[in-house]
N, C-alpha and C. Protein backbone atom coordinates (compact mmCIF):
# COMPACT_ATOMS: atom_id res chain seq x y z
N MET A 1 0.84 -1.17 0.00
CA MET A 1 0.00 0.00 0.00
C MET A 1 0.88 1.23 0.00
N ALA A 2 0.34 2.29 -0.56
CA ALA A 2 1.05 3.56 -0.59
C ALA A 2 0.04 4.69 -0.57
N ARG A 3 0.48 5.84 -0.06
CA ARG A 3 -0.35 7.04 -0.03
C ARG A 3 0.32 8.10 -0.88
N ASP A 4 -0.46 8.76 -1.75
CA ASP A 4 0.12 9.83 -2.55
C ASP A 4 -0.01 11.16 -1.82
N SER A 5 0.51 12.22 -2.40
CA SER A 5 0.53 13.52 -1.73
C SER A 5 -0.87 14.11 -1.55
N ALA A 6 -1.86 13.64 -2.32
CA ALA A 6 -3.24 14.12 -2.18
C ALA A 6 -3.98 13.39 -1.07
N GLY A 7 -3.39 12.34 -0.49
CA GLY A 7 -4.01 11.59 0.58
C GLY A 7 -4.78 10.37 0.13
N THR A 8 -4.63 9.98 -1.12
CA THR A 8 -5.31 8.79 -1.63
C THR A 8 -4.48 7.55 -1.29
N LEU A 9 -5.14 6.54 -0.76
CA LEU A 9 -4.48 5.29 -0.39
C LEU A 9 -4.63 4.30 -1.53
N TRP A 10 -3.51 3.74 -1.99
CA TRP A 10 -3.48 2.82 -3.13
C TRP A 10 -2.94 1.47 -2.72
N LEU A 11 -3.50 0.42 -3.30
CA LEU A 11 -2.99 -0.93 -3.14
C LEU A 11 -2.30 -1.32 -4.43
N TYR A 12 -1.07 -1.82 -4.32
CA TYR A 12 -0.31 -2.30 -5.47
C TYR A 12 -0.20 -3.82 -5.35
N PRO A 13 -1.15 -4.57 -5.94
CA PRO A 13 -1.13 -6.03 -5.80
C PRO A 13 0.03 -6.65 -6.58
N GLY A 14 0.61 -7.68 -6.02
CA GLY A 14 1.69 -8.40 -6.70
C GLY A 14 1.15 -9.28 -7.81
N THR A 15 1.99 -9.55 -8.80
CA THR A 15 1.58 -10.40 -9.92
C THR A 15 2.05 -11.84 -9.76
N ASN A 16 2.93 -12.09 -8.79
CA ASN A 16 3.48 -13.42 -8.57
C ASN A 16 4.40 -13.87 -9.71
N LYS A 17 4.95 -12.90 -10.45
CA LYS A 17 5.84 -13.21 -11.57
C LYS A 17 7.13 -12.42 -11.40
N ALA A 18 8.24 -13.11 -11.42
CA ALA A 18 9.53 -12.44 -11.25
C ALA A 18 10.10 -11.94 -12.57
N SER A 19 9.61 -12.48 -13.68
CA SER A 19 10.21 -12.13 -14.97
C SER A 19 9.52 -10.95 -15.65
N THR A 20 8.34 -10.54 -15.19
CA THR A 20 7.63 -9.40 -15.77
C THR A 20 7.37 -8.38 -14.68
N SER A 21 6.42 -7.53 -14.88
CA SER A 21 6.09 -6.52 -13.86
C SER A 21 5.79 -7.18 -12.52
N LEU A 22 6.38 -6.65 -11.48
CA LEU A 22 6.16 -7.20 -10.15
C LEU A 22 4.79 -6.82 -9.60
N PHE A 23 4.24 -5.69 -10.07
CA PHE A 23 2.97 -5.20 -9.55
C PHE A 23 1.94 -5.06 -10.65
N ALA A 24 0.69 -5.38 -10.32
CA ALA A 24 -0.43 -5.21 -11.25
C ALA A 24 -0.92 -3.76 -11.16
N THR A 25 -1.99 -3.46 -11.85
CA THR A 25 -2.57 -2.12 -11.82
C THR A 25 -3.00 -1.76 -10.40
N ARG A 26 -2.69 -0.55 -10.00
CA ARG A 26 -3.02 -0.14 -8.64
C ARG A 26 -4.53 -0.01 -8.46
N ILE A 27 -4.97 -0.19 -7.21
CA ILE A 27 -6.39 -0.14 -6.86
C ILE A 27 -6.57 0.91 -5.78
N LYS A 28 -7.50 1.84 -6.01
CA LYS A 28 -7.76 2.88 -5.02
C LYS A 28 -8.53 2.29 -3.85
N LEU A 29 -8.00 2.51 -2.62
CA LEU A 29 -8.65 1.99 -1.42
C LEU A 29 -9.46 3.06 -0.70
N GLY A 30 -9.06 4.29 -0.81
CA GLY A 30 -9.78 5.35 -0.11
C GLY A 30 -9.08 6.68 -0.23
N MET A 31 -9.73 7.70 0.30
CA MET A 31 -9.18 9.05 0.25
C MET A 31 -9.18 9.63 1.65
N GLY A 32 -8.51 10.75 1.83
CA GLY A 32 -8.47 11.42 3.12
C GLY A 32 -7.45 10.85 4.08
N CYS A 33 -6.46 10.16 3.56
CA CYS A 33 -5.44 9.53 4.42
C CYS A 33 -4.21 10.41 4.57
N ASN A 34 -4.28 11.67 4.17
CA ASN A 34 -3.11 12.53 4.24
C ASN A 34 -2.76 12.93 5.68
N GLN A 35 -3.61 12.60 6.64
CA GLN A 35 -3.29 12.90 8.03
C GLN A 35 -2.38 11.86 8.67
N TYR A 36 -2.17 10.73 7.99
CA TYR A 36 -1.35 9.64 8.54
C TYR A 36 0.05 9.67 7.97
N ASN A 37 1.03 9.41 8.84
CA ASN A 37 2.44 9.34 8.42
C ASN A 37 2.90 7.92 8.20
N ALA A 38 2.27 6.96 8.91
CA ALA A 38 2.68 5.56 8.80
C ALA A 38 1.46 4.66 8.98
N LEU A 39 1.46 3.54 8.28
CA LEU A 39 0.40 2.56 8.40
C LEU A 39 1.03 1.23 8.83
N PHE A 40 0.44 0.54 9.78
CA PHE A 40 0.97 -0.72 10.26
C PHE A 40 -0.03 -1.83 10.06
């Protein structure tokens, strides 16, 4: 997961393939997360 500067939380799912792209198309999980510095 990652948060962009606008506060949108994104999931970057793995593809399970080492020879091609490691991550599939990102999926938006939510907005308004710009108040958080770290997610556990």
